[in-house]
Protein backbone atom coordinates (compact mmCIF):
# COMPACT_ATOMS: atom_id res chain seq x y z
CA GLN A 1 -149.37 18.77 32.19
CA VAL A 2 -149.23 22.45 31.29
CA GLN A 3 -149.66 24.47 33.86
CA LEU A 4 -148.68 28.77 34.28
CA VAL A 5 -148.82 30.55 37.40
CA GLU A 6 -148.76 34.10 37.81
CA SER A 7 -147.33 36.29 40.77
CA GLY A 8 -146.26 39.70 41.26
CA GLY A 9 -149.38 41.56 41.02
CA GLY A 10 -150.33 44.77 43.38
CA SER A 11 -151.22 48.10 43.75
CA VAL A 12 -148.63 50.76 42.82
CA GLN A 13 -148.99 54.25 42.67
CA PRO A 14 -149.02 56.19 39.33
CA GLY A 15 -145.43 56.14 37.69
CA GLY A 16 -144.41 53.36 39.34
CA SER A 17 -143.26 49.68 38.63
CA LEU A 18 -143.54 46.57 39.04
CA ARG A 19 -142.26 42.82 38.12
CA LEU A 20 -144.82 39.97 37.16
CA SER A 21 -143.68 36.35 36.56
CA CYS A 22 -145.08 33.55 35.20
CA THR A 23 -143.58 30.45 36.26
CA VAL A 24 -144.32 27.60 34.35
CA SER A 25 -144.58 23.70 34.22
CA GLY A 26 -145.25 20.90 32.20
CA PHE A 27 -143.24 21.94 29.23
CA SER A 28 -139.73 24.02 28.54
CA LEU A 29 -139.86 27.73 28.01
CA ASP A 30 -137.20 26.84 25.08
CA SER A 31 -140.45 25.22 23.54
CA ARG A 32 -142.94 27.30 23.67
CA SER A 33 -143.51 31.20 23.58
CA ILE A 34 -145.67 33.04 26.37
CA GLY A 35 -147.73 35.65 26.04
CA TRP A 36 -148.55 38.17 27.90
CA PHE A 37 -152.12 40.01 28.28
CA ARG A 38 -154.67 42.07 30.46
CA GLN A 39 -158.35 42.50 30.72
CA ALA A 40 -159.80 45.15 33.00
CA PRO A 41 -163.34 45.76 33.69
CA GLY A 42 -165.85 45.86 31.47
CA LYS A 43 -163.37 45.32 28.52
CA GLU A 44 -161.83 42.90 26.47
CA ARG A 45 -158.89 40.91 26.87
CA GLU A 46 -156.01 42.70 25.45
CA GLY A 47 -152.93 41.20 24.27
CA LEU A 48 -149.31 42.88 25.28
CA SER A 49 -146.62 41.23 24.82
CA CYS A 50 -145.06 37.62 23.65
CA ILE A 51 -141.33 36.21 24.01
CA THR A 52 -140.50 33.26 21.20
CA GLY A 53 -139.56 29.79 22.94
CA SER A 54 -137.03 29.51 19.85
CA GLY A 55 -134.36 32.91 20.81
CA GLY A 56 -136.32 34.56 23.33
CA ASP A 57 -137.37 37.42 21.17
CA ALA A 58 -139.86 39.43 22.54
CA TYR A 59 -142.65 41.29 20.72
CA TYR A 60 -145.15 44.21 22.33
CA THR A 61 -148.28 46.04 21.68
CA ASP A 62 -147.83 49.88 20.71
CA SER A 63 -149.89 50.83 23.89
CA VAL A 64 -147.16 49.37 26.34
CA LYS A 65 -144.32 49.71 23.56
CA GLY A 66 -141.13 50.99 25.59
CA ARG A 67 -142.55 51.02 29.28
CA PHE A 68 -143.39 47.07 29.37
CA THR A 69 -140.27 44.64 28.65
CA ALA A 70 -140.71 40.72 28.65
CA SER A 71 -137.73 38.34 29.71
CA LYS A 72 -137.60 34.94 30.30
CA ASP A 73 -135.07 32.34 32.79
CA GLU A 74 -134.97 29.24 31.30
CA ALA A 75 -133.11 27.65 34.49
CA LYS A 76 -136.35 29.03 36.82
CA ASN A 77 -139.08 28.57 33.94
CA THR A 78 -140.17 31.60 34.66
CA VAL A 79 -140.81 34.14 32.38
CA TYR A 80 -141.14 38.31 33.30
CA LEU A 81 -142.99 41.36 32.65
CA GLN A 82 -141.56 43.93 34.09
CA MET A 83 -143.92 47.07 33.96
CA ASN A 84 -142.67 50.66 34.03
CA SER A 85 -144.07 54.11 34.14
CA LEU A 86 -147.50 52.57 35.07
CA GLN A 87 -150.64 54.92 35.11
CA SER A 88 -154.05 54.46 35.88
CA GLU A 89 -155.24 52.57 32.47
CA ASP A 90 -152.85 50.10 33.35
CA THR A 91 -155.46 48.50 36.17
CA ALA A 92 -156.41 45.25 34.97
CA VAL A 93 -155.92 41.21 35.78
CA TYR A 94 -152.52 40.09 33.79
CA TYR A 95 -152.70 36.73 32.42
CA CYS A 96 -149.84 35.03 30.72
CA ALA A 97 -150.73 32.12 28.51
CA THR A 98 -149.23 30.03 25.54
CA PRO A 99 -150.30 29.09 22.14
CA THR A 100 -151.93 25.63 21.18
CA GLY A 101 -150.80 25.73 17.15
CA ARG A 102 -147.97 23.63 15.64
CA PHE A 103 -145.86 26.24 15.46
CA ASN A 104 -146.12 26.87 19.06
CA TYR A 105 -142.56 28.12 19.77
CA LEU A 106 -143.29 31.23 18.10
CA CYS A 107 -145.59 34.17 18.48
CA PRO A 108 -148.92 34.02 17.23
CA PRO A 109 -150.93 37.20 16.78
CA LEU A 110 -151.75 38.42 20.06
CA GLN A 111 -155.42 37.29 20.19
CA PRO A 112 -156.69 35.66 23.07
CA ASP A 113 -158.07 33.04 20.91
CA GLU A 114 -154.56 32.18 19.13
CA TYR A 115 -153.65 30.87 22.84
CA GLY A 116 -154.51 27.55 24.59
CA TYR A 117 -153.43 27.67 27.91
CA TRP A 118 -154.15 30.57 30.28
CA GLY A 119 -152.61 31.37 34.18
CA GLN A 120 -155.31 31.72 36.73
CA GLY A 121 -154.19 35.95 36.50
CA ALA A 122 -153.10 38.72 38.96
CA GLN A 123 -154.28 42.05 39.92
CA VAL A 124 -152.69 45.12 39.36
CA THR A 125 -153.75 48.17 40.59
CA VAL A 126 -152.35 51.48 39.85
CA SER A 127 -153.79 54.49 41.76
CA SER A 128 -152.64 57.26 43.96
């Protein structure tokens, strides 16, 4: 059974950093890509980053490029999202997800419909 569990959310001041973790079970990280998304109140879910199952290549949306870094530890079945230079507009619930398409070890477009398995989400609040 495919499961994803996020952790590491919390509150931070503007300019601060947080690292989110996504621990998976039911599959190995070399077989599936993992995407990161967020959803702020009243807004649509936004794709942020994806790291491939094969090779571990990471891709980012423009809004987080240079500030967020995705990585993974396959031995720990865990994917990380290091978030630096956080601002108030980064406040949201953050989700990790994995796609269900045929080539799910590659990164599909960062659209929620491309991803079929989701974690429960982790709240990140950036406030002074």
